[in-house]
N, C-alpha and C. Protein backbone atom coordinates (compact mmCIF):
# COMPACT_ATOMS: atom_id res chain seq x y z
N MET A 1 -6.52 -95.44 6.70
CA MET A 1 -5.31 -96.20 6.97
C MET A 1 -4.10 -95.42 6.46
N ILE A 2 -3.05 -95.39 7.22
CA ILE A 2 -1.83 -94.69 6.84
C ILE A 2 -1.11 -95.48 5.76
N ASP A 3 -0.74 -94.79 4.68
CA ASP A 3 0.02 -95.42 3.59
C ASP A 3 1.52 -95.27 3.77
N GLY A 4 1.95 -94.33 4.57
CA GLY A 4 3.36 -94.05 4.76
C GLY A 4 3.54 -92.58 5.06
N ILE A 5 4.78 -92.14 5.03
CA ILE A 5 5.08 -90.72 5.26
C ILE A 5 4.93 -89.97 3.95
N SER A 6 4.13 -88.91 3.95
CA SER A 6 3.94 -88.09 2.76
C SER A 6 5.19 -87.26 2.49
N HIS A 7 5.56 -86.43 3.47
CA HIS A 7 6.73 -85.58 3.31
C HIS A 7 7.24 -85.16 4.68
N ILE A 8 8.46 -84.64 4.69
CA ILE A 8 9.10 -84.13 5.90
C ILE A 8 9.50 -82.70 5.60
N THR A 9 9.15 -81.78 6.49
CA THR A 9 9.44 -80.36 6.29
C THR A 9 10.42 -79.86 7.34
N PHE A 10 11.40 -79.09 6.87
CA PHE A 10 12.36 -78.45 7.75
C PHE A 10 12.27 -76.94 7.55
N ILE A 11 12.22 -76.19 8.64
CA ILE A 11 12.23 -74.74 8.58
C ILE A 11 13.69 -74.31 8.61
N VAL A 12 14.07 -73.49 7.62
CA VAL A 12 15.46 -73.06 7.47
C VAL A 12 15.53 -71.55 7.32
N ARG A 13 16.58 -70.98 7.81
CA ARG A 13 16.78 -69.53 7.73
C ARG A 13 17.12 -69.08 6.32
N ASP A 14 17.90 -69.88 5.60
CA ASP A 14 18.41 -69.50 4.29
C ASP A 14 18.17 -70.63 3.29
N LEU A 15 17.22 -70.44 2.38
CA LEU A 15 16.88 -71.49 1.40
C LEU A 15 18.07 -71.88 0.53
N THR A 16 18.88 -70.92 0.14
CA THR A 16 20.03 -71.21 -0.73
C THR A 16 21.05 -72.07 0.00
N ARG A 17 21.35 -71.70 1.22
CA ARG A 17 22.32 -72.47 2.02
C ARG A 17 21.79 -73.87 2.32
N ALA A 18 20.50 -73.98 2.65
CA ALA A 18 19.90 -75.28 2.92
C ALA A 18 19.87 -76.14 1.66
N THR A 19 19.63 -75.51 0.51
CA THR A 19 19.65 -76.25 -0.76
C THR A 19 21.02 -76.87 -0.97
N LYS A 20 22.06 -76.10 -0.75
CA LYS A 20 23.42 -76.61 -0.89
C LYS A 20 23.64 -77.79 0.05
N PHE A 21 23.18 -77.68 1.29
CA PHE A 21 23.32 -78.76 2.26
C PHE A 21 22.64 -80.04 1.77
N PHE A 22 21.38 -79.96 1.38
CA PHE A 22 20.63 -81.15 0.96
C PHE A 22 21.18 -81.74 -0.33
N GLU A 23 21.57 -80.89 -1.26
CA GLU A 23 22.12 -81.40 -2.52
C GLU A 23 23.49 -82.04 -2.31
N LYS A 24 24.33 -81.41 -1.51
CA LYS A 24 25.70 -81.90 -1.30
C LYS A 24 25.72 -83.18 -0.48
N VAL A 25 25.03 -83.19 0.64
CA VAL A 25 25.08 -84.35 1.53
C VAL A 25 24.25 -85.51 0.98
N PHE A 26 23.01 -85.26 0.62
CA PHE A 26 22.07 -86.32 0.28
C PHE A 26 21.87 -86.54 -1.21
N ASN A 27 22.57 -85.74 -2.03
CA ASN A 27 22.36 -85.81 -3.48
C ASN A 27 20.88 -85.57 -3.80
N ALA A 28 20.26 -84.66 -3.05
CA ALA A 28 18.85 -84.34 -3.22
C ALA A 28 18.60 -83.72 -4.59
N LYS A 29 17.47 -84.06 -5.17
CA LYS A 29 17.07 -83.50 -6.46
C LYS A 29 15.95 -82.49 -6.22
N GLU A 30 16.22 -81.23 -6.54
CA GLU A 30 15.19 -80.20 -6.37
C GLU A 30 14.11 -80.40 -7.43
N VAL A 31 12.86 -80.45 -6.98
CA VAL A 31 11.74 -80.66 -7.90
C VAL A 31 10.79 -79.47 -7.93
N TYR A 32 10.98 -78.51 -7.02
CA TYR A 32 10.10 -77.34 -6.98
C TYR A 32 10.76 -76.24 -6.16
N SER A 33 10.57 -75.01 -6.62
CA SER A 33 10.96 -73.82 -5.87
C SER A 33 9.86 -72.79 -6.04
N SER A 34 9.37 -72.25 -4.96
CA SER A 34 8.29 -71.27 -5.04
C SER A 34 8.78 -69.91 -5.53
N GLY A 35 10.11 -69.71 -5.54
CA GLY A 35 10.63 -68.39 -5.90
C GLY A 35 10.11 -67.37 -4.92
N GLU A 36 9.61 -66.28 -5.42
CA GLU A 36 9.07 -65.24 -4.55
C GLU A 36 7.61 -65.48 -4.19
N ASN A 37 7.00 -66.50 -4.78
CA ASN A 37 5.60 -66.82 -4.48
C ASN A 37 5.49 -67.52 -3.13
N THR A 38 4.37 -67.33 -2.49
CA THR A 38 4.11 -67.99 -1.22
C THR A 38 2.75 -68.66 -1.30
N PHE A 39 2.76 -69.97 -1.42
CA PHE A 39 1.52 -70.74 -1.45
C PHE A 39 1.20 -71.31 -0.08
N SER A 40 2.20 -71.44 0.76
CA SER A 40 2.03 -71.98 2.10
C SER A 40 2.31 -70.86 3.08
N ILE A 41 3.11 -71.09 4.10
CA ILE A 41 3.37 -70.03 5.09
C ILE A 41 4.59 -69.18 4.76
N SER A 42 5.44 -69.67 3.82
CA SER A 42 6.63 -68.91 3.43
C SER A 42 7.18 -69.50 2.13
N ARG A 43 8.24 -68.87 1.62
CA ARG A 43 8.89 -69.43 0.43
C ARG A 43 9.37 -70.84 0.75
N GLU A 44 9.36 -71.70 -0.27
CA GLU A 44 9.71 -73.09 -0.01
C GLU A 44 10.33 -73.75 -1.23
N LYS A 45 10.98 -74.89 -0.97
CA LYS A 45 11.54 -75.74 -2.02
C LYS A 45 11.22 -77.18 -1.66
N PHE A 46 11.05 -78.00 -2.71
CA PHE A 46 10.81 -79.43 -2.51
C PHE A 46 11.95 -80.21 -3.16
N PHE A 47 12.33 -81.30 -2.51
CA PHE A 47 13.39 -82.18 -2.99
C PHE A 47 12.92 -83.62 -2.91
N MET A 48 13.57 -84.46 -3.66
CA MET A 48 13.41 -85.91 -3.53
C MET A 48 14.75 -86.46 -3.07
N ILE A 49 14.69 -87.27 -2.02
CA ILE A 49 15.87 -87.95 -1.49
C ILE A 49 15.48 -89.42 -1.33
N GLY A 50 16.06 -90.25 -2.16
CA GLY A 50 15.76 -91.69 -2.09
C GLY A 50 14.28 -92.00 -2.15
N GLY A 51 13.53 -91.29 -2.96
CA GLY A 51 12.10 -91.51 -3.09
C GLY A 51 11.26 -90.81 -2.04
N GLN A 52 11.88 -90.08 -1.12
CA GLN A 52 11.15 -89.37 -0.07
C GLN A 52 11.06 -87.88 -0.40
N TRP A 53 9.87 -87.29 -0.31
CA TRP A 53 9.64 -85.88 -0.53
C TRP A 53 10.08 -85.13 0.73
N ILE A 54 11.03 -84.21 0.55
CA ILE A 54 11.54 -83.37 1.62
C ILE A 54 11.25 -81.92 1.24
N ALA A 55 10.67 -81.17 2.16
CA ALA A 55 10.38 -79.75 1.93
C ALA A 55 11.23 -78.91 2.87
N ILE A 56 11.67 -77.76 2.37
CA ILE A 56 12.29 -76.75 3.23
C ILE A 56 11.51 -75.47 3.07
N MET A 57 11.29 -74.79 4.16
CA MET A 57 10.54 -73.53 4.17
C MET A 57 11.32 -72.48 4.93
N GLU A 58 11.24 -71.26 4.47
CA GLU A 58 11.93 -70.16 5.13
C GLU A 58 11.32 -69.83 6.47
N GLY A 59 12.19 -69.65 7.46
CA GLY A 59 11.75 -69.27 8.79
C GLY A 59 12.93 -69.27 9.75
N PRO A 60 12.68 -68.97 11.01
CA PRO A 60 13.78 -68.93 11.98
C PRO A 60 14.33 -70.31 12.27
N SER A 61 15.64 -70.38 12.50
CA SER A 61 16.29 -71.64 12.87
C SER A 61 15.78 -72.13 14.21
N LEU A 62 15.94 -73.43 14.45
CA LEU A 62 15.62 -73.97 15.77
C LEU A 62 16.52 -73.30 16.80
N PRO A 63 15.99 -72.93 17.96
CA PRO A 63 16.81 -72.23 18.95
C PRO A 63 17.83 -73.12 19.64
N THR A 64 17.56 -74.42 19.72
CA THR A 64 18.47 -75.34 20.41
C THR A 64 18.59 -76.64 19.63
N ARG A 65 19.62 -77.38 19.96
CA ARG A 65 19.84 -78.68 19.36
C ARG A 65 19.33 -79.76 20.29
N THR A 66 18.72 -80.79 19.71
CA THR A 66 18.25 -81.93 20.48
C THR A 66 18.67 -83.21 19.77
N TYR A 67 18.28 -84.34 20.34
CA TYR A 67 18.56 -85.63 19.70
C TYR A 67 17.45 -86.02 18.72
N ASN A 68 16.36 -85.27 18.64
CA ASN A 68 15.34 -85.53 17.63
C ASN A 68 16.03 -85.49 16.28
N HIS A 69 15.80 -86.53 15.46
CA HIS A 69 16.51 -86.55 14.19
C HIS A 69 15.80 -87.44 13.17
N ILE A 70 16.25 -87.31 11.95
CA ILE A 70 15.82 -88.18 10.87
C ILE A 70 17.05 -88.93 10.39
N ALA A 71 16.89 -90.23 10.15
CA ALA A 71 18.01 -91.06 9.73
C ALA A 71 17.78 -91.54 8.31
N PHE A 72 18.77 -91.36 7.46
CA PHE A 72 18.72 -91.86 6.09
C PHE A 72 19.55 -93.12 5.99
N LYS A 73 18.99 -94.13 5.36
CA LYS A 73 19.64 -95.44 5.20
C LYS A 73 20.58 -95.39 4.01
N ILE A 74 21.80 -95.88 4.22
CA ILE A 74 22.77 -96.02 3.14
C ILE A 74 23.37 -97.41 3.20
N GLN A 75 24.05 -97.78 2.15
CA GLN A 75 24.77 -99.04 2.11
C GLN A 75 26.11 -98.87 2.82
N GLU A 76 26.59 -99.93 3.44
CA GLU A 76 27.86 -99.90 4.16
C GLU A 76 29.00 -99.38 3.29
N GLU A 77 29.04 -99.78 2.03
CA GLU A 77 30.14 -99.38 1.15
C GLU A 77 30.11 -97.89 0.79
N ASP A 78 29.01 -97.20 1.08
CA ASP A 78 28.90 -95.77 0.80
C ASP A 78 29.21 -94.89 2.01
N PHE A 79 29.52 -95.50 3.15
CA PHE A 79 29.71 -94.78 4.40
C PHE A 79 30.76 -93.68 4.27
N GLU A 80 31.94 -94.00 3.76
CA GLU A 80 33.02 -93.02 3.66
C GLU A 80 32.68 -91.90 2.67
N THR A 81 31.94 -92.21 1.62
CA THR A 81 31.51 -91.18 0.65
C THR A 81 30.67 -90.13 1.35
N TYR A 82 29.71 -90.58 2.14
CA TYR A 82 28.85 -89.63 2.86
C TYR A 82 29.62 -88.87 3.93
N GLU A 83 30.52 -89.54 4.60
CA GLU A 83 31.35 -88.88 5.60
C GLU A 83 32.15 -87.75 4.96
N SER A 84 32.72 -87.99 3.78
CA SER A 84 33.48 -86.95 3.06
C SER A 84 32.59 -85.78 2.67
N ARG A 85 31.41 -86.06 2.17
CA ARG A 85 30.48 -84.98 1.79
C ARG A 85 30.16 -84.08 2.97
N ILE A 86 29.90 -84.69 4.10
CA ILE A 86 29.54 -83.94 5.29
C ILE A 86 30.73 -83.11 5.79
N LEU A 87 31.91 -83.72 5.80
CA LEU A 87 33.12 -83.00 6.23
C LEU A 87 33.40 -81.80 5.33
N GLU A 88 33.19 -81.94 4.03
CA GLU A 88 33.44 -80.84 3.09
C GLU A 88 32.57 -79.63 3.37
N LEU A 89 31.36 -79.84 3.88
CA LEU A 89 30.47 -78.72 4.19
C LEU A 89 30.85 -78.01 5.48
N GLY A 90 31.61 -78.68 6.34
CA GLY A 90 32.03 -78.06 7.59
C GLY A 90 30.94 -77.96 8.63
N VAL A 91 29.93 -78.83 8.55
CA VAL A 91 28.87 -78.80 9.57
C VAL A 91 29.34 -79.56 10.81
N ASP A 92 28.65 -79.33 11.91
CA ASP A 92 29.03 -79.94 13.18
C ASP A 92 28.59 -81.40 13.25
N PHE A 93 29.55 -82.25 13.64
CA PHE A 93 29.26 -83.65 13.91
C PHE A 93 28.86 -83.80 15.37
N LYS A 94 27.98 -84.72 15.65
CA LYS A 94 27.65 -85.09 17.02
C LYS A 94 28.37 -86.42 17.27
N PRO A 95 29.02 -86.58 18.41
CA PRO A 95 29.66 -87.87 18.67
C PRO A 95 28.63 -88.99 18.61
N PRO A 96 28.98 -90.12 18.02
CA PRO A 96 28.01 -91.21 17.93
C PRO A 96 27.69 -91.76 19.31
N ARG A 97 26.47 -92.25 19.46
CA ARG A 97 26.10 -92.87 20.72
C ARG A 97 26.77 -94.23 20.81
N PRO A 98 26.94 -94.75 22.01
CA PRO A 98 27.52 -96.09 22.13
C PRO A 98 26.65 -97.11 21.40
N ARG A 99 27.28 -98.02 20.69
CA ARG A 99 26.54 -99.03 19.92
C ARG A 99 27.07 -100.41 20.25
N VAL A 100 26.24 -101.39 20.01
CA VAL A 100 26.67 -102.77 20.09
C VAL A 100 26.95 -103.24 18.68
N ALA A 101 27.89 -104.15 18.53
CA ALA A 101 28.23 -104.67 17.20
C ALA A 101 27.00 -105.27 16.55
N GLY A 102 26.85 -105.01 15.25
CA GLY A 102 25.77 -105.61 14.50
C GLY A 102 24.56 -104.73 14.27
N GLU A 103 24.55 -103.50 14.80
CA GLU A 103 23.40 -102.64 14.56
C GLU A 103 23.68 -101.55 13.53
N GLY A 104 24.80 -101.63 12.83
CA GLY A 104 25.11 -100.67 11.78
C GLY A 104 25.97 -99.52 12.28
N ARG A 105 26.50 -98.79 11.32
CA ARG A 105 27.31 -97.59 11.64
C ARG A 105 26.48 -96.35 11.35
N SER A 106 26.80 -95.28 12.07
CA SER A 106 26.06 -94.02 11.93
C SER A 106 26.97 -92.82 11.97
N LEU A 107 26.56 -91.80 11.25
CA LEU A 107 27.12 -90.46 11.36
C LEU A 107 25.98 -89.54 11.77
N TYR A 108 26.20 -88.76 12.82
CA TYR A 108 25.22 -87.77 13.27
C TYR A 108 25.79 -86.39 13.00
N PHE A 109 25.00 -85.51 12.40
CA PHE A 109 25.48 -84.17 12.08
C PHE A 109 24.32 -83.20 12.02
N TYR A 110 24.64 -81.94 12.32
CA TYR A 110 23.64 -80.88 12.31
C TYR A 110 23.72 -80.08 11.02
N ASP A 111 22.57 -79.62 10.53
CA ASP A 111 22.59 -78.68 9.42
C ASP A 111 22.83 -77.28 9.99
N PHE A 112 22.65 -76.26 9.19
CA PHE A 112 22.93 -74.89 9.62
C PHE A 112 21.81 -74.29 10.47
N ASP A 113 20.73 -75.07 10.67
CA ASP A 113 19.56 -74.59 11.41
C ASP A 113 19.24 -75.45 12.63
N ASN A 114 20.22 -76.20 13.10
CA ASN A 114 20.14 -77.03 14.31
C ASN A 114 19.31 -78.30 14.16
N HIS A 115 19.00 -78.74 12.93
CA HIS A 115 18.35 -80.03 12.71
C HIS A 115 19.42 -81.12 12.75
N LEU A 116 19.13 -82.20 13.44
CA LEU A 116 20.05 -83.32 13.52
C LEU A 116 19.67 -84.36 12.48
N PHE A 117 20.66 -84.84 11.74
CA PHE A 117 20.49 -85.88 10.74
C PHE A 117 21.41 -87.04 11.08
N GLU A 118 21.02 -88.20 10.61
CA GLU A 118 21.84 -89.39 10.78
C GLU A 118 21.94 -90.10 9.44
N ILE A 119 23.12 -90.58 9.15
CA ILE A 119 23.36 -91.49 8.04
C ILE A 119 23.60 -92.84 8.70
N HIS A 120 22.82 -93.86 8.31
CA HIS A 120 22.87 -95.14 9.02
C HIS A 120 22.95 -96.30 8.04
N THR A 121 23.78 -97.29 8.37
CA THR A 121 23.96 -98.43 7.48
C THR A 121 23.11 -99.63 7.87
N GLY A 122 22.50 -99.63 9.02
CA GLY A 122 21.74 -100.79 9.48
C GLY A 122 20.26 -100.73 9.11
N THR A 123 19.57 -101.80 9.44
CA THR A 123 18.12 -101.89 9.22
C THR A 123 17.43 -102.21 10.54
N LEU A 124 16.13 -102.03 10.57
CA LEU A 124 15.36 -102.35 11.76
C LEU A 124 15.48 -103.84 12.09
N SER A 125 15.38 -104.69 11.10
CA SER A 125 15.46 -106.13 11.38
C SER A 125 16.83 -106.52 11.94
N GLN A 126 17.90 -105.91 11.43
CA GLN A 126 19.23 -106.19 11.97
C GLN A 126 19.32 -105.74 13.43
N ARG A 127 18.78 -104.59 13.72
CA ARG A 127 18.86 -104.08 15.09
C ARG A 127 18.05 -104.97 16.05
N LEU A 128 16.86 -105.35 15.63
CA LEU A 128 16.04 -106.19 16.50
C LEU A 128 16.71 -107.55 16.74
N GLU A 129 17.30 -108.11 15.71
CA GLU A 129 18.02 -109.38 15.88
C GLU A 129 19.18 -109.22 16.85
N ARG A 130 19.93 -108.13 16.71
CA ARG A 130 21.07 -107.88 17.59
C ARG A 130 20.62 -107.67 19.02
N TYR A 131 19.50 -106.98 19.23
CA TYR A 131 19.02 -106.71 20.58
C TYR A 131 18.51 -107.97 21.27
N LYS A 132 18.17 -108.99 20.51
CA LYS A 132 17.75 -110.26 21.10
C LYS A 132 18.93 -110.98 21.75
N MET A 133 20.12 -110.69 21.27
CA MET A 133 21.33 -111.34 21.79
C MET A 133 21.79 -110.60 23.04
N LYS A 134 22.52 -111.28 23.88
CA LYS A 134 23.09 -110.63 25.06
C LYS A 134 24.32 -109.86 24.63
N ARG A 135 24.65 -108.85 25.38
CA ARG A 135 25.84 -108.04 25.09
C ARG A 135 27.01 -108.93 25.19
C-alpha cells in the first residue's frame, strides 16, 4: 500500500544555482550534499520543504518547458512574500491560467532548468466545492 510520496527529484545543470533557487523561493533546508561523491547517478543534494524530501541531481536541463509542474501550498497571507522572493531571483513567470473565484491564487514560475513550479493558496476540497457550483 502506498504511504505517500517519498521524494521528488529534479535534474539541474548547476547544483549551486539550484540550491540558491530552492533556498530563496521555498526556504528549503539542505539536509545532505554528496560533494564530489557519487552514490547515485550524479552529484546530488537533498532538501526539506514543508516536510517533503526534495532531491536535486546534476545533469542536463530539460530541453523544453511544459505545463507539468509541482505545486506547493501556502497560506493566502504569505502570497506576496513568495511573489517577492520569486521576483528577486529574476526567474520567468508563466501567466496564470484562467481561474474561477474560490479555487485559490497561484504563481507559476520556471527554475533555471525549465521545471515549472506553482505556489498555490487553495486546497483540493475548496476546488472541488467550487467546481460543483455553476460559473
